[in-house]
Protein backbone atom coordinates (compact mmCIF):
# COMPACT_ATOMS: atom_id res chain seq x y z
CA MET A 1 -5.52 26.12 18.59
CA ALA A 2 -8.43 24.19 17.11
CA ASP A 3 -11.53 23.77 19.28
CA PHE A 4 -12.02 20.18 20.41
CA GLU A 5 -13.22 18.14 23.36
CA ILE A 6 -11.12 15.34 24.82
CA ILE A 7 -13.04 12.18 25.67
CA ASP A 8 -11.18 10.15 28.29
CA ARG A 9 -14.03 8.74 30.40
CA LEU A 10 -16.25 5.85 29.39
CA SER A 11 -19.41 7.68 30.44
CA ASP A 12 -18.54 10.56 28.13
CA LEU A 13 -17.82 8.16 25.28
CA ARG A 14 -21.22 6.51 25.69
CA ALA A 15 -22.92 9.91 25.63
CA LEU A 16 -20.94 10.90 22.55
CA ALA A 17 -21.88 7.68 20.76
CA ARG A 18 -25.56 8.41 21.37
CA ASP A 19 -25.15 11.90 19.92
CA LEU A 20 -23.26 10.61 16.90
CA MET A 21 -26.10 8.22 16.08
CA ARG A 22 -28.21 11.31 15.38
CA GLU A 23 -25.70 12.68 12.86
CA ASP A 24 -25.94 11.96 9.15
CA ILE A 25 -22.21 12.45 8.53
CA ILE A 26 -19.02 12.31 10.63
CA ALA A 27 -15.30 12.58 9.88
CA VAL A 28 -12.93 10.05 11.46
CA ASP A 29 -9.18 9.50 11.75
CA THR A 30 -6.90 7.44 13.99
CA GLU A 31 -3.38 7.68 15.35
CA ALA A 32 -1.35 4.57 16.22
CA ASP A 33 2.17 3.93 17.51
CA SER A 34 3.68 1.50 14.97
CA PHE A 35 6.71 3.79 14.58
CA TYR A 36 7.59 3.20 18.23
CA HIS A 37 6.30 -0.27 19.16
CA TYR A 38 6.52 -3.79 17.76
CA PHE A 39 2.98 -4.47 19.00
CA ASP A 40 1.24 -1.33 17.77
CA LYS A 41 -2.21 -0.19 18.85
CA THR A 42 -4.81 2.51 18.32
CA CYS A 43 -3.79 5.44 20.53
CA LEU A 44 -6.25 8.15 19.48
CA VAL A 45 -9.51 8.40 17.55
CA GLN A 46 -10.56 11.77 16.15
CA ILE A 47 -14.19 12.40 15.23
CA ALA A 48 -15.70 15.59 13.86
CA THR A 49 -19.30 16.51 13.15
CA ARG A 50 -20.39 19.63 11.32
CA LYS A 51 -20.19 21.62 14.54
CA HIS A 52 -17.88 19.82 16.99
CA CYS A 53 -14.57 17.94 17.16
CA TYR A 54 -13.77 15.16 19.62
CA LEU A 55 -10.46 13.51 20.46
CA ILE A 56 -11.09 10.11 22.03
CA ASP A 57 -8.26 8.69 24.15
CA PRO A 58 -8.53 4.87 24.18
CA LEU A 59 -5.45 4.54 26.40
CA ALA A 60 -7.05 6.66 29.10
CA LEU A 61 -10.19 4.55 28.76
CA GLY A 62 -8.22 1.35 29.39
CA GLY A 63 -7.26 0.36 25.85
CA PRO A 64 -8.72 0.22 22.32
CA ALA A 65 -11.17 -2.51 23.36
CA GLU A 66 -13.01 0.14 25.41
CA LEU A 67 -14.08 1.93 22.23
CA GLN A 68 -17.05 -0.46 21.84
CA PRO A 69 -19.72 2.26 22.33
CA LEU A 70 -18.72 3.48 18.84
CA ARG A 71 -19.58 0.13 17.22
CA PRO A 72 -23.21 1.00 16.31
CA VAL A 73 -22.09 4.36 14.89
CA PHE A 74 -19.73 2.82 12.35
CA ALA A 75 -22.14 -0.03 11.60
CA SER A 76 -25.07 2.27 10.89
CA PRO A 77 -25.93 2.76 7.20
CA LYS A 78 -27.53 6.07 8.18
CA VAL A 79 -24.31 7.62 9.47
CA ARG A 80 -21.86 8.42 6.72
CA THR A 81 -18.27 7.96 7.87
CA ILE A 82 -15.56 9.99 6.13
CA PHE A 83 -11.87 9.07 6.17
CA HIS A 84 -8.84 10.28 4.30
CA ALA A 85 -7.02 7.13 3.14
CA ALA A 86 -9.46 4.90 5.00
CA GLU A 87 -7.72 1.58 4.56
CA TYR A 88 -5.22 1.84 7.39
CA ASP A 89 -7.76 3.34 9.81
CA ILE A 90 -10.26 0.60 9.06
CA PHE A 91 -7.54 -2.01 9.45
CA VAL A 92 -6.55 -0.88 12.96
CA LEU A 93 -10.16 -0.37 14.09
CA LYS A 94 -11.16 -3.83 12.83
CA ARG A 95 -8.06 -5.40 14.37
CA ASP A 96 -8.28 -3.65 17.76
CA CYS A 97 -12.04 -3.30 18.13
CA GLY A 98 -13.74 -5.65 15.65
CA PHE A 99 -15.77 -2.81 14.15
CA VAL A 100 -17.91 -3.15 11.02
CA PHE A 101 -18.26 -0.27 8.57
CA LYS A 102 -21.29 0.35 6.36
CA ASN A 103 -21.40 3.86 4.88
CA LEU A 104 -17.95 5.08 3.87
CA PHE A 105 -16.48 7.97 1.90
CA ASP A 106 -12.73 8.31 1.29
CA THR A 107 -11.41 11.71 0.28
CA MET A 108 -8.01 10.39 -0.85
CA VAL A 109 -9.51 7.75 -3.14
CA SER A 110 -11.86 10.39 -4.53
CA ALA A 111 -8.95 12.71 -5.25
CA GLN A 112 -7.16 9.88 -7.04
CA LEU A 113 -10.15 9.12 -9.22
CA LEU A 114 -10.47 12.81 -10.06
CA GLY A 115 -6.85 13.02 -11.15
CA TYR A 116 -5.56 15.37 -8.47
CA PRO A 117 -1.76 15.68 -8.79
CA ALA A 118 -1.37 15.84 -4.99
CA ILE A 119 -3.65 13.62 -2.92
CA GLY A 120 -2.34 14.24 0.60
CA LEU A 121 -4.85 15.78 3.00
CA ALA A 122 -2.73 18.90 3.56
CA ALA A 123 -2.51 19.49 -0.20
CA LEU A 124 -6.27 19.09 -0.66
CA ILE A 125 -7.07 21.44 2.23
CA GLN A 126 -4.65 24.02 0.87
CA HIS A 127 -6.13 23.69 -2.63
CA HIS A 128 -9.78 24.01 -1.63
CA PHE A 129 -9.65 26.25 1.44
CA GLY A 130 -6.29 28.01 1.30
CA ILE A 131 -5.45 26.73 4.77
CA SER A 132 -2.10 25.27 5.81
CA VAL A 133 -2.43 22.47 8.33
CA PRO A 134 0.49 21.40 10.56
CA LYS A 135 2.68 18.51 9.46
CA ASP A 136 5.32 18.46 12.19
CA GLU A 137 3.68 15.74 14.31
CA GLN A 138 3.57 13.06 11.62
CA ARG A 139 5.98 10.81 13.50
CA SER A 140 4.91 11.59 17.02
CA ASP A 141 4.79 8.86 19.63
CA TRP A 142 1.04 8.76 20.15
CA SER A 143 1.35 6.23 22.97
CA ARG A 144 3.03 8.73 25.33
CA ARG A 145 0.92 10.62 27.80
CA PRO A 146 0.15 13.42 28.25
CA LEU A 147 -0.20 14.40 24.61
CA THR A 148 1.16 17.86 23.86
CA ASP A 149 -0.93 20.78 22.64
CA LYS A 150 0.82 20.50 19.26
CA GLN A 151 -0.13 16.84 18.98
CA LEU A 152 -3.74 17.54 19.88
CA THR A 153 -4.00 20.42 17.40
CA TYR A 154 -2.44 18.29 14.67
CA ALA A 155 -4.84 15.41 15.40
CA ALA A 156 -7.88 17.67 15.29
CA GLY A 157 -6.72 19.16 11.99
CA ASP A 158 -6.95 15.73 10.36
CA VAL A 159 -10.77 15.73 10.68
CA LEU A 160 -11.84 19.37 10.91
CA TYR A 161 -12.11 19.91 7.14
CA LEU A 162 -13.14 16.46 5.93
CA ILE A 163 -16.88 17.07 5.81
CA ARG A 164 -16.49 20.28 3.80
CA LEU A 165 -13.93 18.61 1.57
CA THR A 166 -16.27 15.69 0.93
CA ALA A 167 -19.00 18.02 -0.30
CA LYS A 168 -16.63 19.50 -2.88
CA LEU A 169 -15.16 16.20 -4.03
CA GLU A 170 -18.53 14.54 -4.33
CA LYS A 171 -19.77 17.27 -6.64
CA GLU A 172 -16.67 16.81 -8.77
CA LEU A 173 -17.20 13.04 -8.89
CA GLU A 174 -20.79 13.52 -10.02
CA LYS A 175 -19.75 16.01 -12.68
CA ALA A 176 -17.02 13.68 -13.97
CA GLY A 177 -19.36 10.68 -13.98
CA ARG A 178 -17.13 8.81 -11.56
CA ARG A 179 -19.28 8.64 -8.44
CA SER A 180 -20.07 4.96 -8.97
CA TRP A 181 -16.38 4.16 -9.41
CA ALA A 182 -15.64 5.73 -6.04
CA GLN A 183 -18.54 3.92 -4.38
CA GLU A 184 -17.21 0.58 -5.55
CA GLU A 185 -13.80 1.46 -4.11
CA PHE A 186 -15.39 2.37 -0.78
CA GLU A 187 -17.33 -0.88 -0.58
CA THR A 188 -14.22 -2.88 -1.36
CA VAL A 189 -12.42 -1.36 1.63
CA THR A 190 -15.33 -1.82 4.04
CA HIS A 191 -15.60 -5.52 3.20
CA ARG A 192 -11.91 -6.27 3.27
CA GLU A 193 -10.45 -8.49 6.00
CA TRP A 194 -6.78 -8.87 6.82
CA ALA A 195 -5.06 -12.05 7.87
CA GLU A 196 -3.37 -12.01 11.25
CA ARG A 197 0.21 -10.88 10.92
CA GLU A 198 2.69 -13.74 10.92
CA PHE A 199 6.44 -13.45 11.16
CA ASP A 200 8.17 -14.47 7.93
CA THR A 201 11.15 -16.64 8.86
CA HIS A 202 12.54 -16.17 5.36
CA GLY A 203 12.02 -12.42 5.27
CA HIS A 204 15.78 -11.86 5.23
CA LEU A 205 15.73 -12.78 1.55
CA ARG A 206 13.78 -9.59 0.82
CA ILE A 207 16.35 -7.31 2.43
CA LYS A 208 17.85 -5.03 -0.22
CA GLY A 209 21.22 -6.43 -1.18
CA ALA A 210 20.55 -9.97 0.05
CA LYS A 211 20.46 -11.33 -3.49
CA LYS A 212 24.13 -10.47 -3.89
CA LEU A 213 25.17 -12.71 -0.99
CA ASP A 214 26.29 -16.28 -1.45
CA GLU A 215 24.76 -19.17 0.47
CA LYS A 216 27.16 -18.98 3.43
CA HIS A 217 26.57 -15.28 3.98
CA LEU A 218 22.79 -15.73 3.60
CA LEU A 219 22.78 -18.25 6.44
CA VAL A 220 24.43 -15.69 8.69
CA LEU A 221 21.99 -12.99 7.54
CA ARG A 222 19.07 -15.27 8.40
CA GLU A 223 20.30 -15.85 11.96
CA LEU A 224 20.84 -12.12 12.46
CA TYR A 225 17.36 -11.45 11.09
CA LEU A 226 15.79 -13.96 13.50
CA MET A 227 17.79 -12.60 16.42
CA ARG A 228 16.68 -9.04 15.65
CA ASP A 229 13.01 -9.98 15.56
CA ALA A 230 13.24 -11.86 18.86
CA ARG A 231 14.90 -8.84 20.45
CA ALA A 232 12.30 -6.45 19.01
CA ARG A 233 9.48 -8.54 20.44
CA GLU A 234 11.17 -8.70 23.82
CA ILE A 235 11.54 -4.93 24.18
CA ASP A 236 8.43 -4.03 22.12
CA ARG A 237 10.30 -1.89 19.62
CA PRO A 238 10.10 -1.82 15.81
CA THR A 239 12.76 -4.01 14.24
CA PHE A 240 14.36 -1.07 12.41
CA LYS A 241 14.97 0.58 15.78
CA VAL A 242 16.84 -2.50 16.99
CA LEU A 243 19.13 -2.94 13.98
CA GLY A 244 18.66 -1.56 10.47
CA ASN A 245 18.64 -3.75 7.38
CA ARG A 246 21.89 -2.24 6.09
CA THR A 247 23.55 -3.04 9.39
CA LEU A 248 22.33 -6.64 9.23
CA LEU A 249 23.70 -6.93 5.71
CA GLU A 250 27.12 -5.56 6.65
CA LEU A 251 27.29 -7.83 9.70
CA ALA A 252 26.51 -10.83 7.48
CA GLU A 253 29.20 -9.77 5.01
CA THR A 254 31.98 -8.99 7.50
CA GLN A 255 31.01 -11.52 10.20
CA PRO A 256 32.86 -9.96 13.17
CA ARG A 257 34.16 -12.44 15.76
CA LYS A 258 34.88 -10.12 18.69
CA LEU A 259 32.92 -7.43 20.53
CA SER A 260 35.60 -4.88 19.67
CA ASP A 261 35.00 -5.53 15.98
CA LEU A 262 31.27 -4.81 16.11
CA SER A 263 31.61 -1.07 16.55
CA ARG A 264 33.37 -0.88 13.19
CA VAL A 265 30.08 -1.77 11.50
CA LYS A 266 27.96 1.24 10.58
CA GLY A 267 24.84 1.34 12.70
CA VAL A 268 26.29 -0.61 15.63
CA THR A 269 26.75 1.90 18.43
CA GLU A 270 28.58 1.39 21.70
CA LEU A 271 25.18 1.12 23.39
CA ILE A 272 24.17 -1.68 21.04
CA VAL A 273 27.44 -3.48 21.69
CA ARG A 274 26.85 -3.30 25.45
CA ARG A 275 23.20 -4.35 25.30
CA MET A 276 23.20 -7.01 22.60
CA GLY A 277 26.73 -7.48 21.34
CA LYS A 278 26.92 -11.04 22.61
CA GLU A 279 23.61 -11.89 20.93
CA ILE A 280 24.90 -10.55 17.62
CA LEU A 281 28.11 -12.57 17.82
CA GLU A 282 26.16 -15.68 18.78
CA ALA A 283 23.85 -15.24 15.78
CA ILE A 284 26.85 -14.84 13.46
CA LYS A 285 28.48 -17.96 14.92
CA LYS A 286 25.25 -19.93 14.56
CA GLY A 287 24.91 -18.81 10.94
CA ARG A 288 28.45 -19.91 10.07
CA THR A 289 27.68 -23.45 11.23
CA ALA A 290 24.10 -23.62 9.91
CA THR A 291 23.01 -25.81 7.03
CA LYS A 292 21.13 -24.55 4.02
CA GLN A 293 17.39 -24.03 4.56
CA THR A 294 15.37 -23.83 1.38
CA PRO A 295 12.38 -21.49 1.56
CA PRO A 296 8.97 -23.18 1.01
CA LYS A 297 7.81 -23.11 -2.60
CA THR A 298 4.92 -20.88 -1.61
CA GLN A 299 7.28 -18.40 -0.02
CA SER A 300 7.73 -15.17 -1.95
CA THR A 301 11.31 -14.03 -2.16
CA GLY A 302 10.68 -11.03 -4.36
CA ASN A 303 7.67 -9.10 -5.49
CA GLY A 304 5.58 -12.25 -5.89
CA ARG A 305 5.24 -11.99 -9.67
CA ARG A 306 5.93 -14.82 -12.07
CA ARG A 307 8.66 -14.60 -14.65
CA MET A 308 7.02 -13.81 -17.97
CA ASP A 309 7.66 -15.56 -21.27
CA ARG A 310 8.27 -13.42 -24.35
CA LYS A 311 4.70 -13.55 -25.60
CA THR A 312 3.30 -12.43 -22.26
CA GLU A 313 5.91 -9.73 -21.92
CA ARG A 314 5.07 -8.33 -25.36
CA LEU A 315 1.40 -8.19 -24.44
CA VAL A 316 2.18 -6.40 -21.18
CA ASN A 317 4.21 -3.83 -23.09
CA ARG A 318 1.31 -3.23 -25.49
CA LEU A 319 -1.08 -2.80 -22.57
CA LYS A 320 1.31 -0.34 -20.94
CA ARG A 321 1.50 1.75 -24.08
CA TRP A 322 -2.27 1.74 -24.29
CA ARG A 323 -2.48 2.82 -20.64
CA SER A 324 0.10 5.56 -21.22
CA SER A 325 -2.10 6.91 -23.99
CA ARG A 326 -5.34 6.77 -22.01
CA ALA A 327 -4.17 8.08 -18.65
CA PRO A 328 -3.45 11.65 -19.81
CA GLU A 329 -6.78 11.84 -21.60
CA LEU A 330 -8.52 10.95 -18.35
CA SER A 331 -6.21 13.17 -16.27
CA LEU A 332 -5.27 10.13 -14.20
CA ASP A 333 -2.04 8.73 -12.92
CA PRO A 334 -1.24 5.57 -14.93
CA GLY A 335 -1.03 3.54 -11.73
CA VAL A 336 -4.51 4.70 -10.73
CA LEU A 337 -5.85 3.84 -14.16
CA CYS A 338 -4.49 0.30 -13.94
CA PRO A 339 -1.52 -0.88 -11.84
CA ASN A 340 1.29 -2.85 -13.45
CA ALA A 341 0.31 -5.96 -11.51
CA SER A 342 -3.17 -5.80 -13.01
CA LEU A 343 -1.79 -5.41 -16.53
CA GLU A 344 0.38 -8.46 -15.96
CA ALA A 345 -2.62 -10.40 -14.67
CA ILE A 346 -4.52 -9.53 -17.86
CA ALA A 347 -1.60 -10.73 -19.97
CA TRP A 348 -1.36 -14.02 -18.09
CA ARG A 349 -5.10 -14.62 -18.50
CA ASN A 350 -4.91 -13.72 -22.22
CA PRO A 351 -8.66 -12.97 -22.40
CA GLN A 352 -10.55 -13.58 -25.63
CA GLN A 353 -13.74 -11.75 -24.73
CA PRO A 354 -14.74 -9.08 -22.18
CA SER A 355 -16.39 -11.62 -19.86
CA ASP A 356 -13.01 -13.34 -19.44
CA LEU A 357 -11.77 -10.25 -17.62
CA GLU A 358 -14.24 -10.91 -14.81
CA GLU A 359 -12.00 -13.82 -13.83
CA VAL A 360 -9.03 -11.50 -13.31
CA THR A 361 -9.39 -10.75 -9.60
CA GLU A 362 -6.81 -7.96 -9.73
CA LEU A 363 -9.26 -5.84 -11.75
CA LYS A 364 -12.11 -3.77 -10.39
CA GLY A 365 -15.60 -4.42 -11.71
CA TRP A 366 -16.00 -0.99 -13.21
CA PHE A 367 -12.62 -1.26 -14.92
CA VAL A 368 -13.88 -4.39 -16.64
CA ARG A 369 -17.11 -2.70 -17.65
CA GLU A 370 -15.46 0.44 -18.99
CA PHE A 371 -12.25 -0.96 -20.42
CA GLY A 372 -13.17 -4.53 -21.32
CA ALA A 373 -13.71 -4.02 -25.03
CA GLU A 374 -10.52 -1.99 -25.44
CA VAL A 375 -8.43 -4.52 -23.58
CA ILE A 376 -9.74 -7.35 -25.73
CA GLU A 377 -8.91 -5.31 -28.84
CA ILE A 378 -5.32 -4.88 -27.63
CA VAL A 379 -5.04 -8.61 -26.92
CA GLY A 380 -6.44 -9.42 -30.36
CA ARG A 381 -3.96 -7.10 -32.08
CA ALA A 382 -1.12 -8.69 -30.15
CA GLU A 383 -2.20 -12.19 -31.18
CA SER A 384 -2.54 -11.14 -34.81
CA ALA A 385 0.97 -9.74 -34.74
CA SER A 386 2.25 -12.97 -33.16
CA ASP A 387 0.50 -15.13 -35.78
CA LEU A 388 1.90 -13.03 -38.59
CA GLN A 389 5.36 -13.27 -37.11
CA ALA A 390 5.06 -17.04 -36.73
CA SER A 391 3.87 -17.47 -40.36
CA ASP A 392 7.05 -15.85 -41.63
CA GLY A 393 9.03 -18.89 -40.48
CA PRO A 394 12.30 -18.96 -38.62
CA ARG A 395 14.44 -15.85 -38.77
CA PRO A 396 18.05 -15.89 -39.98
CA ARG A 397 20.87 -15.95 -37.50
CA ARG A 398 23.24 -13.02 -37.28
CA GLU A 399 26.18 -13.57 -39.61
CA SER A 400 29.71 -12.70 -38.66
CA THR A 401 29.67 -9.88 -41.23
CA GLY A 402 26.80 -8.25 -39.32
CA ARG A 403 24.84 -7.71 -42.61
CA THR A 404 21.81 -9.78 -41.59
CA GLN A 405 19.36 -8.29 -39.10
CA SER A 406 19.29 -10.29 -35.88
CA PRO A 407 16.14 -11.82 -34.40
CA ARG A 408 16.73 -9.68 -31.31
CA SER A 409 16.66 -6.41 -33.23
CA THR A 410 13.59 -7.53 -35.20
CA ARG A 411 11.71 -8.41 -32.03
CA ALA A 412 12.66 -5.09 -30.49
CA GLY A 413 11.29 -3.28 -33.51
CA ALA A 414 8.00 -5.18 -33.28
CA SER A 415 7.47 -4.27 -29.67
CA GLY A 416 9.05 -0.83 -29.56
CA PRO A 417 7.34 2.43 -28.66
CA GLY A 418 5.73 2.87 -32.06
CA ALA A 419 4.63 -0.71 -32.67
CA ASP A 420 1.20 -0.29 -31.11
CA ALA A 421 0.43 3.16 -32.46
CA GLY A 422 -2.63 1.86 -34.31
CA ALA A 423 -4.14 0.38 -31.17
CA ALA A 424 -3.44 3.53 -29.22
CA ALA A 425 -5.06 5.68 -31.86
CA THR A 426 -8.34 3.77 -31.93
CA ALA A 427 -8.94 3.16 -28.21
CA THR A 428 -11.50 5.28 -26.39
CA PRO A 429 -11.48 6.70 -22.86
CA ALA A 430 -12.88 4.69 -19.97
CA SER A 431 -12.85 4.51 -16.22
CA VAL A 432 -10.05 3.93 -13.78
CA SER A 433 -9.08 0.78 -11.96
CA GLY A 434 -7.61 1.14 -8.52
CA ASN A 435 -4.18 2.31 -7.49
CA ALA A 436 -0.91 0.67 -6.54
CA GLY A 437 -0.92 -0.71 -3.07
CA ARG A 438 -4.70 -0.82 -2.67
CA PRO A 439 -6.80 -4.00 -2.51
CA SER A 440 -8.33 -5.66 -5.53
CA SER A 441 -12.02 -6.41 -5.61
CA GLY A 442 -11.36 -10.11 -5.78
CA ASP A 443 -9.21 -10.32 -2.65
CA SER A 444 -10.95 -10.36 0.70
CA THR A 445 -7.90 -11.03 2.85
CA ALA A 446 -4.41 -9.64 2.76
CA ASP A 447 -1.41 -8.90 4.89
CA PRO A 448 -1.96 -6.12 7.42
CA PRO A 449 -1.04 -2.64 6.27
CA ARG A 450 1.75 -0.53 7.69
CA ARG A 451 1.24 3.04 8.75
CA LYS A 452 2.57 5.76 6.52
CA LYS A 453 2.25 9.52 6.74
CA ARG A 454 1.21 12.21 4.26
CA ARG A 455 2.83 10.85 1.12
CA ARG A 456 3.32 7.29 -0.05
CA ARG A 457 6.97 6.46 0.50
CA LYS A 458 7.30 2.77 -0.30
CA LYS A 459 5.88 2.69 -3.79
CA LYS A 460 4.69 5.13 -6.39
CA ARG A 461 1.13 4.95 -7.58
CA SER A 462 2.37 4.04 -11.01
CA GLY A 463 4.26 1.06 -9.61
CA GLY A 464 1.47 -1.41 -9.21
CA GLY A 465 1.39 -3.31 -5.95
CA GLY A 466 -0.79 -6.39 -5.86
CA ALA A 467 -3.79 -7.20 -3.72
CA ASP A 468 -1.58 -8.26 -0.85
CA ALA A 469 0.48 -5.10 -0.87
CA ALA A 470 0.40 -3.45 2.49
CA PRO A 471 -1.73 -0.30 2.44
CA SER A 472 -0.46 2.53 4.60
CA LYS A 473 -1.59 5.59 6.46
CA VAL A 474 -1.87 8.85 4.53
CA THR A 475 -3.14 11.86 6.47
């Protein structure tokens, strides 16, 4: 078992805070209970110095608000605070305690910028120190007391190696010339603020499979969705532990009318029928008699991206091919180099000179500095190709004999994999620009992140979430 000290008295926390103010570097992690509660909270704070490890129990202290003695530690520019995947931890500590962070280092972000193929903490510890850390408490209920020895050992393991790991990663960043890139990422996270979470009354439209439903079935799905959220709030449980999305969808499709029919729906157990069967039937009945409710125009019903015209789409494809060429040369994941959402933002802006890229808030400052000239070259090549295509006049229609090449096949040839080979061959390496699901430098507020363990499950780094994408816990 790892050596650690449990802090569960306010007097001990105050003494610890005074000691930490004399440290130049500390490692920090948090554990919350979002997997078990609708209203999640910080349940444990782990802090390690070079010589000691502390597990601070905010629930024993009276709640996360009692962590205030740590405020000057995190706010001090003299105390370097290390996290692995800092964004979620900073989110919960700002939300629950109002803390301010000044001097941050993030080992996961550093690993991304260095091109590590595996960026989870366990993988990095195994790579650098040959040590296997436990993973079997990733989904523990951290709100239950007492915590088990396995939970405590797991929690301590999340901070025990961070200081040593930071020393190694920082040397690699300096050697690769990417230390300033990482610093800009760190500052972006420390300054970020999240809007208070609001329930989306039209969130049922984002349930997988909802787009296949007609209007009548969507009205039923909406009432079931609203009923589920009300129930989850009432019992303080995550919505997926009340009724799963697939179950909601099947209920909306089949629309049972009797209690005996509910148990035929996958995911509706006898216990659910007894506890909330009448509520489910009432929601279905209400949905059948409801009138259409159009979502507000500002409401996102998909991934929030605009539908692209052909010109913009062609430019995005060229930028993607350029990225695909550059990423391997830099030993970076394409999504770390530049997320899809950022490429689309560039295409929509259609910049004519490098300074125009500064207006694209989805891009990081150092991406603009390093990649600006290359991006403008790609845009210029795309415009030249478009002008040349337009000067050729209208293209012939496909004849019934099939002997004339169709406009569709010609366009495909112009934008196919080999169409931008010249641009790819002349571009030069540059720095990276963020990763999918992390905040952009131009966005100071966003939806609150959701906790996630070890590996990113919701989206791949090459996917390209926007600035409002919910960052998640990686330990």
